[in-house]
Full PDB file with SEQRES, HELIX, SHEET, SSBOND, CRYST1, ORIGX, SCALE, CONECT and MASTER records, all heavy atoms in Angstrom:
SEQRES   1 A   34  LEU VAL LEU HIS GLU VAL GLU GLY HIS LYS LEU HIS ARG          
SEQRES   2 A   34  HIS LEU THR THR TRP ALA HIS LEU PHE GLU ILE ASP ALA          
SEQRES   3 A   34  GLU CYS ALA ASN LYS ALA ALA ASP                              
HELIX    1 AA1 VAL A    2  LEU A    3  1                                   2    
HELIX    2 AA2 HIS A    4  LYS A   10  3                                   7    
HELIX    3 AA3 HIS A   14  THR A   17  1                                   4    
HELIX    4 AA4 ALA A   19  ILE A   24  1                                   6    
HELIX    5 AA5 ALA A   26  ALA A   33  1                                   8    
CRYST1    1.000    1.000    1.000  90.00  90.00  90.00 P 1           1          
ORIGX1      1.000000  0.000000  0.000000        0.00000                         
ORIGX2      0.000000  1.000000  0.000000        0.00000                         
ORIGX3      0.000000  0.000000  1.000000        0.00000                         
SCALE1      1.000000  0.000000  0.000000        0.00000                         
SCALE2      0.000000  1.000000  0.000000        0.00000                         
SCALE3      0.000000  0.000000  1.000000        0.00000                         
ATOM      1  N   LEU A   1       0.823  -1.200   0.000  1.00  0.00           N  
ATOM      2  CA  LEU A   1       0.000   0.000   0.000  1.00  0.00           C  
ATOM      3  C   LEU A   1       0.865   1.260   0.000  1.00  0.00           C  
ATOM      4  O   LEU A   1       0.607   2.207  -0.748  1.00  0.00           O  
ATOM      5  CB  LEU A   1      -0.935  -0.006   1.211  1.00  0.00           C  
ATOM      6  CG  LEU A   1      -1.863   1.192   1.367  1.00  0.00           C  
ATOM      7  CD1 LEU A   1      -2.812   1.312   0.179  1.00  0.00           C  
ATOM      8  CD2 LEU A   1      -2.655   1.082   2.666  1.00  0.00           C  
ATOM      9  N   VAL A   2       1.902   1.276   0.836  1.00  0.00           N  
ATOM     10  CA  VAL A   2       2.794   2.433   0.891  1.00  0.00           C  
ATOM     11  C   VAL A   2       3.518   2.604  -0.440  1.00  0.00           C  
ATOM     12  O   VAL A   2       3.629   3.721  -0.966  1.00  0.00           O  
ATOM     13  CB  VAL A   2       3.807   2.295   2.049  1.00  0.00           C  
ATOM     14  CG1 VAL A   2       4.840   3.421   1.989  1.00  0.00           C  
ATOM     15  CG2 VAL A   2       3.087   2.303   3.398  1.00  0.00           C  
ATOM     16  N   LEU A   3       4.000   1.513  -1.007  1.00  0.00           N  
ATOM     17  CA  LEU A   3       4.669   1.580  -2.305  1.00  0.00           C  
ATOM     18  C   LEU A   3       3.709   2.052  -3.394  1.00  0.00           C  
ATOM     19  O   LEU A   3       4.108   2.784  -4.317  1.00  0.00           O  
ATOM     20  CB  LEU A   3       5.248   0.214  -2.675  1.00  0.00           C  
ATOM     21  CG  LEU A   3       6.499  -0.199  -1.896  1.00  0.00           C  
ATOM     22  CD1 LEU A   3       6.793  -1.683  -2.117  1.00  0.00           C  
ATOM     23  CD2 LEU A   3       7.704   0.650  -2.320  1.00  0.00           C  
ATOM     24  N   HIS A   4       2.459   1.639  -3.291  1.00  0.00           N  
ATOM     25  CA  HIS A   4       1.448   2.069  -4.254  1.00  0.00           C  
ATOM     26  C   HIS A   4       1.319   3.592  -4.238  1.00  0.00           C  
ATOM     27  O   HIS A   4       1.262   4.224  -5.303  1.00  0.00           O  
ATOM     28  CB  HIS A   4       0.108   1.414  -3.894  1.00  0.00           C  
ATOM     29  CG  HIS A   4      -1.018   1.772  -4.809  1.00  0.00           C  
ATOM     30  ND1 HIS A   4      -1.429   0.959  -5.839  1.00  0.00           N  
ATOM     31  CD2 HIS A   4      -1.830   2.855  -4.844  1.00  0.00           C  
ATOM     32  CE1 HIS A   4      -2.439   1.533  -6.478  1.00  0.00           C  
ATOM     33  NE2 HIS A   4      -2.712   2.676  -5.878  1.00  0.00           N  
ATOM     34  N   GLU A   5       1.296   4.173  -3.048  1.00  0.00           N  
ATOM     35  CA  GLU A   5       1.169   5.620  -2.944  1.00  0.00           C  
ATOM     36  C   GLU A   5       2.455   6.337  -3.342  1.00  0.00           C  
ATOM     37  O   GLU A   5       2.420   7.334  -4.069  1.00  0.00           O  
ATOM     38  CB  GLU A   5       0.799   6.016  -1.502  1.00  0.00           C  
ATOM     39  CG  GLU A   5      -0.460   5.381  -0.950  1.00  0.00           C  
ATOM     40  CD  GLU A   5      -1.689   5.674  -1.775  1.00  0.00           C  
ATOM     41  OE1 GLU A   5      -1.775   6.763  -2.370  1.00  0.00           O  
ATOM     42  OE2 GLU A   5      -2.579   4.795  -1.836  1.00  0.00           O  
ATOM     43  N   VAL A   6       3.596   5.818  -2.867  1.00  0.00           N  
ATOM     44  CA  VAL A   6       4.862   6.538  -3.046  1.00  0.00           C  
ATOM     45  C   VAL A   6       5.485   6.270  -4.417  1.00  0.00           C  
ATOM     46  O   VAL A   6       5.724   7.200  -5.195  1.00  0.00           O  
ATOM     47  CB  VAL A   6       5.859   6.167  -1.928  1.00  0.00           C  
ATOM     48  CG1 VAL A   6       7.199   6.859  -2.169  1.00  0.00           C  
ATOM     49  CG2 VAL A   6       5.301   6.558  -0.567  1.00  0.00           C  
ATOM     50  N   GLU A   7       5.773   5.009  -4.699  1.00  0.00           N  
ATOM     51  CA  GLU A   7       6.425   4.704  -5.982  1.00  0.00           C  
ATOM     52  C   GLU A   7       5.449   4.870  -7.140  1.00  0.00           C  
ATOM     53  O   GLU A   7       5.829   5.323  -8.220  1.00  0.00           O  
ATOM     54  CB  GLU A   7       6.972   3.274  -5.989  1.00  0.00           C  
ATOM     55  CG  GLU A   7       7.759   2.979  -7.266  1.00  0.00           C  
ATOM     56  CD  GLU A   7       8.258   1.554  -7.336  1.00  0.00           C  
ATOM     57  OE1 GLU A   7       7.748   0.691  -6.597  1.00  0.00           O  
ATOM     58  OE2 GLU A   7       9.149   1.297  -8.159  1.00  0.00           O  
ATOM     59  N   GLY A   8       4.196   4.492  -6.896  1.00  0.00           N  
ATOM     60  CA  GLY A   8       3.211   4.602  -7.959  1.00  0.00           C  
ATOM     61  C   GLY A   8       2.790   6.035  -8.212  1.00  0.00           C  
ATOM     62  O   GLY A   8       3.161   6.645  -9.218  1.00  0.00           O  
ATOM     63  N   HIS A   9       2.043   6.608  -7.286  1.00  0.00           N  
ATOM     64  CA  HIS A   9       1.423   7.908  -7.527  1.00  0.00           C  
ATOM     65  C   HIS A   9       2.372   9.095  -7.341  1.00  0.00           C  
ATOM     66  O   HIS A   9       2.314  10.056  -8.117  1.00  0.00           O  
ATOM     67  CB  HIS A   9       0.204   8.076  -6.628  1.00  0.00           C  
ATOM     68  CG  HIS A   9      -0.852   7.042  -6.864  1.00  0.00           C  
ATOM     69  ND1 HIS A   9      -1.166   6.571  -8.127  1.00  0.00           N  
ATOM     70  CD2 HIS A   9      -1.682   6.372  -6.007  1.00  0.00           C  
ATOM     71  CE1 HIS A   9      -2.135   5.681  -8.038  1.00  0.00           C  
ATOM     72  NE2 HIS A   9      -2.454   5.534  -6.766  1.00  0.00           N  
ATOM     73  N   LYS A  10       3.243   9.052  -6.330  1.00  0.00           N  
ATOM     74  CA  LYS A  10       4.118  10.197  -6.087  1.00  0.00           C  
ATOM     75  C   LYS A  10       5.287  10.234  -7.066  1.00  0.00           C  
ATOM     76  O   LYS A  10       5.526  11.256  -7.711  1.00  0.00           O  
ATOM     77  CB  LYS A  10       4.628  10.183  -4.640  1.00  0.00           C  
ATOM     78  CG  LYS A  10       3.564  10.527  -3.615  1.00  0.00           C  
ATOM     79  CD  LYS A  10       4.061  10.404  -2.186  1.00  0.00           C  
ATOM     80  CE  LYS A  10       5.093  11.412  -1.806  1.00  0.00           C  
ATOM     81  NZ  LYS A  10       5.347  11.411  -0.333  1.00  0.00           N  
ATOM     82  N   LEU A  11       6.014   9.129  -7.176  1.00  0.00           N  
ATOM     83  CA  LEU A  11       7.191   9.114  -8.046  1.00  0.00           C  
ATOM     84  C   LEU A  11       6.811   9.360  -9.506  1.00  0.00           C  
ATOM     85  O   LEU A  11       7.497  10.089 -10.228  1.00  0.00           O  
ATOM     86  CB  LEU A  11       7.929   7.785  -7.916  1.00  0.00           C  
ATOM     87  CG  LEU A  11       9.191   7.628  -8.786  1.00  0.00           C  
ATOM     88  CD1 LEU A  11      10.236   8.670  -8.403  1.00  0.00           C  
ATOM     89  CD2 LEU A  11       9.763   6.222  -8.646  1.00  0.00           C  
ATOM     90  N   HIS A  12       5.713   8.762  -9.935  1.00  0.00           N  
ATOM     91  CA  HIS A  12       5.279   8.932 -11.319  1.00  0.00           C  
ATOM     92  C   HIS A  12       4.410  10.174 -11.521  1.00  0.00           C  
ATOM     93  O   HIS A  12       3.912  10.410 -12.622  1.00  0.00           O  
ATOM     94  CB  HIS A  12       4.529   7.681 -11.784  1.00  0.00           C  
ATOM     95  CG  HIS A  12       5.417   6.496 -11.992  1.00  0.00           C  
ATOM     96  ND1 HIS A  12       5.749   5.623 -10.969  1.00  0.00           N  
ATOM     97  CD2 HIS A  12       6.051   6.047 -13.086  1.00  0.00           C  
ATOM     98  CE1 HIS A  12       6.544   4.683 -11.440  1.00  0.00           C  
ATOM     99  NE2 HIS A  12       6.753   4.916 -12.721  1.00  0.00           N  
ATOM    100  N   ARG A  13       4.206  10.932 -10.449  1.00  0.00           N  
ATOM    101  CA  ARG A  13       3.490  12.214 -10.499  1.00  0.00           C  
ATOM    102  C   ARG A  13       2.125  12.089 -11.186  1.00  0.00           C  
ATOM    103  O   ARG A  13       1.737  12.920 -12.018  1.00  0.00           O  
ATOM    104  CB  ARG A  13       4.364  13.266 -11.186  1.00  0.00           C  
ATOM    105  CG  ARG A  13       5.578  13.657 -10.367  1.00  0.00           C  
ATOM    106  CD  ARG A  13       6.472  14.622 -11.066  1.00  0.00           C  
ATOM    107  NE  ARG A  13       7.252  13.942 -12.100  1.00  0.00           N  
ATOM    108  CZ  ARG A  13       8.199  14.510 -12.853  1.00  0.00           C  
ATOM    109  NH1 ARG A  13       8.449  15.786 -12.692  1.00  0.00           N  
ATOM    110  NH2 ARG A  13       8.856  13.834 -13.737  1.00  0.00           N  
ATOM    111  N   HIS A  14       1.411  11.042 -10.818  1.00  0.00           N  
ATOM    112  CA  HIS A  14       0.108  10.790 -11.429  1.00  0.00           C  
ATOM    113  C   HIS A  14      -0.872  11.935 -11.234  1.00  0.00           C  
ATOM    114  O   HIS A  14      -1.694  12.222 -12.105  1.00  0.00           O  
ATOM    115  CB  HIS A  14      -0.498   9.502 -10.846  1.00  0.00           C  
ATOM    116  CG  HIS A  14       0.129   8.265 -11.392  1.00  0.00           C  
ATOM    117  ND1 HIS A  14      -0.030   7.021 -10.822  1.00  0.00           N  
ATOM    118  CD2 HIS A  14       0.913   8.065 -12.478  1.00  0.00           C  
ATOM    119  CE1 HIS A  14       0.624   6.114 -11.516  1.00  0.00           C  
ATOM    120  NE2 HIS A  14       1.215   6.728 -12.517  1.00  0.00           N  
ATOM    121  N   LEU A  15      -0.799  12.585 -10.065  1.00  0.00           N  
ATOM    122  CA  LEU A  15      -1.808  13.597  -9.734  1.00  0.00           C  
ATOM    123  C   LEU A  15      -1.609  14.901 -10.495  1.00  0.00           C  
ATOM    124  O   LEU A  15      -2.517  15.732 -10.545  1.00  0.00           O  
ATOM    125  CB  LEU A  15      -1.814  13.863  -8.229  1.00  0.00           C  
ATOM    126  CG  LEU A  15      -2.566  12.876  -7.329  1.00  0.00           C  
ATOM    127  CD1 LEU A  15      -4.050  12.889  -7.621  1.00  0.00           C  
ATOM    128  CD2 LEU A  15      -2.028  11.463  -7.439  1.00  0.00           C  
ATOM    129  N   THR A  16      -0.429  15.088 -11.077  1.00  0.00           N  
ATOM    130  CA  THR A  16      -0.196  16.282 -11.889  1.00  0.00           C  
ATOM    131  C   THR A  16      -0.086  15.923 -13.370  1.00  0.00           C  
ATOM    132  O   THR A  16      -0.692  16.581 -14.218  1.00  0.00           O  
ATOM    133  CB  THR A  16       1.078  17.016 -11.436  1.00  0.00           C  
ATOM    134  OG1 THR A  16       2.182  16.094 -11.396  1.00  0.00           O  
ATOM    135  CG2 THR A  16       0.890  17.625 -10.051  1.00  0.00           C  
ATOM    136  N   THR A  17       0.652  14.862 -13.675  1.00  0.00           N  
ATOM    137  CA  THR A  17       0.828  14.465 -15.072  1.00  0.00           C  
ATOM    138  C   THR A  17      -0.496  14.154 -15.745  1.00  0.00           C  
ATOM    139  O   THR A  17      -0.724  14.506 -16.908  1.00  0.00           O  
ATOM    140  CB  THR A  17       1.745  13.234 -15.165  1.00  0.00           C  
ATOM    141  OG1 THR A  17       3.008  13.538 -14.571  1.00  0.00           O  
ATOM    142  CG2 THR A  17       1.952  12.815 -16.617  1.00  0.00           C  
ATOM    143  N   TRP A  18      -1.395  13.483 -15.016  1.00  0.00           N  
ATOM    144  CA  TRP A  18      -2.649  13.026 -15.607  1.00  0.00           C  
ATOM    145  C   TRP A  18      -3.856  13.805 -15.086  1.00  0.00           C  
ATOM    146  O   TRP A  18      -4.980  13.328 -15.154  1.00  0.00           O  
ATOM    147  CB  TRP A  18      -2.837  11.528 -15.346  1.00  0.00           C  
ATOM    148  CG  TRP A  18      -1.692  10.698 -15.815  1.00  0.00           C  
ATOM    149  CD1 TRP A  18      -0.889   9.913 -15.048  1.00  0.00           C  
ATOM    150  CD2 TRP A  18      -1.213  10.563 -17.156  1.00  0.00           C  
ATOM    151  NE1 TRP A  18       0.075   9.296 -15.821  1.00  0.00           N  
ATOM    152  CE2 TRP A  18      -0.107   9.671 -17.126  1.00  0.00           C  
ATOM    153  CE3 TRP A  18      -1.603  11.100 -18.395  1.00  0.00           C  
ATOM    154  CZ2 TRP A  18       0.598   9.320 -18.275  1.00  0.00           C  
ATOM    155  CZ3 TRP A  18      -0.895  10.751 -19.533  1.00  0.00           C  
ATOM    156  CH2 TRP A  18       0.189   9.876 -19.476  1.00  0.00           C  
ATOM    157  N   ALA A  19      -3.631  15.017 -14.605  1.00  0.00           N  
ATOM    158  CA  ALA A  19      -4.744  15.818 -14.091  1.00  0.00           C  
ATOM    159  C   ALA A  19      -5.798  16.071 -15.163  1.00  0.00           C  
ATOM    160  O   ALA A  19      -6.997  16.135 -14.860  1.00  0.00           O  
ATOM    161  CB  ALA A  19      -4.215  17.148 -13.545  1.00  0.00           C  
ATOM    162  N   HIS A  20      -5.373  16.186 -16.422  1.00  0.00           N  
ATOM    163  CA  HIS A  20      -6.352  16.438 -17.488  1.00  0.00           C  
ATOM    164  C   HIS A  20      -7.287  15.257 -17.689  1.00  0.00           C  
ATOM    165  O   HIS A  20      -8.433  15.431 -18.114  1.00  0.00           O  
ATOM    166  CB  HIS A  20      -5.632  16.770 -18.802  1.00  0.00           C  
ATOM    167  CG  HIS A  20      -4.789  15.662 -19.348  1.00  0.00           C  
ATOM    168  ND1 HIS A  20      -3.596  15.263 -18.757  1.00  0.00           N  
ATOM    169  CD2 HIS A  20      -4.964  14.852 -20.430  1.00  0.00           C  
ATOM    170  CE1 HIS A  20      -3.068  14.276 -19.453  1.00  0.00           C  
ATOM    171  NE2 HIS A  20      -3.874  14.004 -20.468  1.00  0.00           N  
ATOM    172  N   LEU A  21      -6.815  14.047 -17.360  1.00  0.00           N  
ATOM    173  CA  LEU A  21      -7.685  12.875 -17.462  1.00  0.00           C  
ATOM    174  C   LEU A  21      -8.758  12.906 -16.385  1.00  0.00           C  
ATOM    175  O   LEU A  21      -9.906  12.505 -16.623  1.00  0.00           O  
ATOM    176  CB  LEU A  21      -6.866  11.582 -17.343  1.00  0.00           C  
ATOM    177  CG  LEU A  21      -5.782  11.366 -18.384  1.00  0.00           C  
ATOM    178  CD1 LEU A  21      -5.081  10.023 -18.157  1.00  0.00           C  
ATOM    179  CD2 LEU A  21      -6.348  11.440 -19.804  1.00  0.00           C  
ATOM    180  N   PHE A  22      -8.394  13.374 -15.215  1.00  0.00           N  
ATOM    181  CA  PHE A  22      -9.371  13.520 -14.133  1.00  0.00           C  
ATOM    182  C   PHE A  22     -10.477  14.485 -14.535  1.00  0.00           C  
ATOM    183  O   PHE A  22     -11.643  14.282 -14.212  1.00  0.00           O  
ATOM    184  CB  PHE A  22      -8.678  14.009 -12.861  1.00  0.00           C  
ATOM    185  CG  PHE A  22      -9.633  14.446 -11.788  1.00  0.00           C  
ATOM    186  CD1 PHE A  22     -10.302  13.523 -11.015  1.00  0.00           C  
ATOM    187  CD2 PHE A  22      -9.875  15.793 -11.559  1.00  0.00           C  
ATOM    188  CE1 PHE A  22     -11.191  13.923 -10.024  1.00  0.00           C  
ATOM    189  CE2 PHE A  22     -10.765  16.212 -10.583  1.00  0.00           C  
ATOM    190  CZ  PHE A  22     -11.418  15.271  -9.810  1.00  0.00           C  
ATOM    191  N   GLU A  23     -10.117  15.538 -15.244  1.00  0.00           N  
ATOM    192  CA  GLU A  23     -11.119  16.510 -15.673  1.00  0.00           C  
ATOM    193  C   GLU A  23     -12.114  15.873 -16.636  1.00  0.00           C  
ATOM    194  O   GLU A  23     -13.286  16.266 -16.673  1.00  0.00           O  
ATOM    195  CB  GLU A  23     -10.429  17.714 -16.337  1.00  0.00           C  
ATOM    196  CG  GLU A  23      -9.488  18.492 -15.422  1.00  0.00           C  
ATOM    197  CD  GLU A  23     -10.209  19.203 -14.303  1.00  0.00           C  
ATOM    198  OE1 GLU A  23     -11.439  19.398 -14.412  1.00  0.00           O  
ATOM    199  OE2 GLU A  23      -9.552  19.579 -13.311  1.00  0.00           O  
ATOM    200  N   ILE A  24     -11.658  14.895 -17.402  1.00  0.00           N  
ATOM    201  CA  ILE A  24     -12.546  14.208 -18.347  1.00  0.00           C  
ATOM    202  C   ILE A  24     -13.440  13.219 -17.618  1.00  0.00           C  
ATOM    203  O   ILE A  24     -14.664  13.210 -17.791  1.00  0.00           O  
ATOM    204  CB  ILE A  24     -11.721  13.478 -19.428  1.00  0.00           C  
ATOM    205  CG1 ILE A  24     -10.893  14.482 -20.237  1.00  0.00           C  
ATOM    206  CG2 ILE A  24     -12.635  12.664 -20.349  1.00  0.00           C  
ATOM    207  CD1 ILE A  24      -9.898  13.838 -21.164  1.00  0.00           C  
ATOM    208  N   ASP A  25     -12.822  12.348 -16.777  1.00  0.00           N  
ATOM    209  CA  ASP A  25     -13.590  11.338 -16.048  1.00  0.00           C  
ATOM    210  C   ASP A  25     -12.764  10.877 -14.850  1.00  0.00           C  
ATOM    211  O   ASP A  25     -11.777  10.148 -15.017  1.00  0.00           O  
ATOM    212  CB  ASP A  25     -13.929  10.148 -16.953  1.00  0.00           C  
ATOM    213  CG  ASP A  25     -14.914   9.191 -16.312  1.00  0.00           C  
ATOM    214  OD1 ASP A  25     -14.544   8.534 -15.318  1.00  0.00           O  
ATOM    215  OD2 ASP A  25     -16.053   9.085 -16.804  1.00  0.00           O  
ATOM    216  N   ALA A  26     -13.156  11.301 -13.660  1.00  0.00           N  
ATOM    217  CA  ALA A  26     -12.383  11.010 -12.453  1.00  0.00           C  
ATOM    218  C   ALA A  26     -12.315   9.518 -12.167  1.00  0.00           C  
ATOM    219  O   ALA A  26     -11.271   8.991 -11.763  1.00  0.00           O  
ATOM    220  CB  ALA A  26     -12.981  11.751 -11.264  1.00  0.00           C  
ATOM    221  N   GLU A  27     -13.425   8.810 -12.358  1.00  0.00           N  
ATOM    222  CA  GLU A  27     -13.460   7.375 -12.068  1.00  0.00           C  
ATOM    223  C   GLU A  27     -12.466   6.614 -12.939  1.00  0.00           C  
ATOM    224  O   GLU A  27     -11.688   5.798 -12.443  1.00  0.00           O  
ATOM    225  CB  GLU A  27     -14.866   6.832 -12.288  1.00  0.00           C  
ATOM    226  CG  GLU A  27     -14.972   5.313 -12.080  1.00  0.00           C  
ATOM    227  CD  GLU A  27     -16.304   4.750 -12.559  1.00  0.00           C  
ATOM    228  OE1 GLU A  27     -17.107   5.491 -13.137  1.00  0.00           O  
ATOM    229  OE2 GLU A  27     -16.503   3.541 -12.365  1.00  0.00           O  
ATOM    230  N   CYS A  28     -12.497   6.892 -14.238  1.00  0.00           N  
ATOM    231  CA  CYS A  28     -11.593   6.188 -15.147  1.00  0.00           C  
ATOM    232  C   CYS A  28     -10.136   6.568 -14.902  1.00  0.00           C  
ATOM    233  O   CYS A  28      -9.237   5.732 -15.018  1.00  0.00           O  
ATOM    234  CB  CYS A  28     -11.970   6.485 -16.600  1.00  0.00           C  
ATOM    235  SG  CYS A  28     -13.530   5.731 -17.123  1.00  0.00           S  
ATOM    236  N   ALA A  29      -9.892   7.836 -14.545  1.00  0.00           N  
ATOM    237  CA  ALA A  29      -8.532   8.273 -14.249  1.00  0.00           C  
ATOM    238  C   ALA A  29      -8.001   7.570 -13.006  1.00  0.00           C  
ATOM    239  O   ALA A  29      -6.843   7.130 -12.958  1.00  0.00           O  
ATOM    240  CB  ALA A  29      -8.496   9.786 -14.067  1.00  0.00           C  
ATOM    241  N   ASN A  30      -8.837   7.449 -11.973  1.00  0.00           N  
ATOM    242  CA  ASN A  30      -8.436   6.747 -10.754  1.00  0.00           C  
ATOM    243  C   ASN A  30      -8.080   5.303 -11.052  1.00  0.00           C  
ATOM    244  O   ASN A  30      -7.049   4.778 -10.608  1.00  0.00           O  
ATOM    245  CB  ASN A  30      -9.567   6.789  -9.723  1.00  0.00           C  
ATOM    246  CG  ASN A  30      -9.726   8.147  -9.077  1.00  0.00           C  
ATOM    247  OD1 ASN A  30      -8.804   8.954  -9.070  1.00  0.00           O  
ATOM    248  ND2 ASN A  30     -10.900   8.418  -8.550  1.00  0.00           N  
ATOM    249  N   LYS A  31      -8.955   4.642 -11.797  1.00  0.00           N  
ATOM    250  CA  LYS A  31      -8.723   3.238 -12.116  1.00  0.00           C  
ATOM    251  C   LYS A  31      -7.461   3.053 -12.949  1.00  0.00           C  
ATOM    252  O   LYS A  31      -6.669   2.129 -12.717  1.00  0.00           O  
ATOM    253  CB  LYS A  31      -9.924   2.670 -12.865  1.00  0.00           C  
ATOM    254  CG  LYS A  31     -11.142   2.399 -12.009  1.00  0.00           C  
ATOM    255  CD  LYS A  31     -12.221   1.715 -12.842  1.00  0.00           C  
ATOM    256  CE  LYS A  31     -13.384   1.249 -11.988  1.00  0.00           C  
ATOM    257  NZ  LYS A  31     -14.400   0.521 -12.779  1.00  0.00           N  
ATOM    258  N   ALA A  32      -7.283   3.914 -13.953  1.00  0.00           N  
ATOM    259  CA  ALA A  32      -6.141   3.777 -14.851  1.00  0.00           C  
ATOM    260  C   ALA A  32      -4.819   3.877 -14.098  1.00  0.00           C  
ATOM    261  O   ALA A  32      -3.889   3.087 -14.325  1.00  0.00           O  
ATOM    262  CB  ALA A  32      -6.214   4.832 -15.947  1.00  0.00           C  
ATOM    263  N   ALA A  33      -4.719   4.853 -13.190  1.00  0.00           N  
ATOM    264  CA  ALA A  33      -3.493   5.021 -12.406  1.00  0.00           C  
ATOM    265  C   ALA A  33      -3.228   3.800 -11.539  1.00  0.00           C  
ATOM    266  O   ALA A  33      -2.076   3.386 -11.356  1.00  0.00           O  
ATOM    267  CB  ALA A  33      -3.598   6.274 -11.541  1.00  0.00           C  
ATOM    268  N   ASP A  34      -4.292   3.199 -11.010  1.00  0.00           N  
ATOM    269  CA  ASP A  34      -4.130   2.014 -10.162  1.00  0.00           C  
ATOM    270  C   ASP A  34      -3.763   0.775 -10.960  1.00  0.00           C  
ATOM    271  O   ASP A  34      -2.917  -0.025 -10.536  1.00  0.00           O  
ATOM    272  CB  ASP A  34      -5.412   1.758  -9.370  1.00  0.00           C  
ATOM    273  CG  ASP A  34      -5.511   2.631  -8.129  1.00  0.00           C  
ATOM    274  OD1 ASP A  34      -4.588   3.440  -7.910  1.00  0.00           O  
ATOM    275  OD2 ASP A  34      -6.495   2.516  -7.387  1.00  0.00           O  
TER     276      ASP A  34                                                      
MASTER        0    0    0    5    0    0    0    6  275    1    0    3          
END                                                                             
């Protein structure tokens, strides 16, 4: 779980790199990053 948050979302900057995907569809953006 910690690696998922840190190596996955933080290191790969999912919350900024893919912010435009969230604007289109938050559910699909969440799933895709996971």
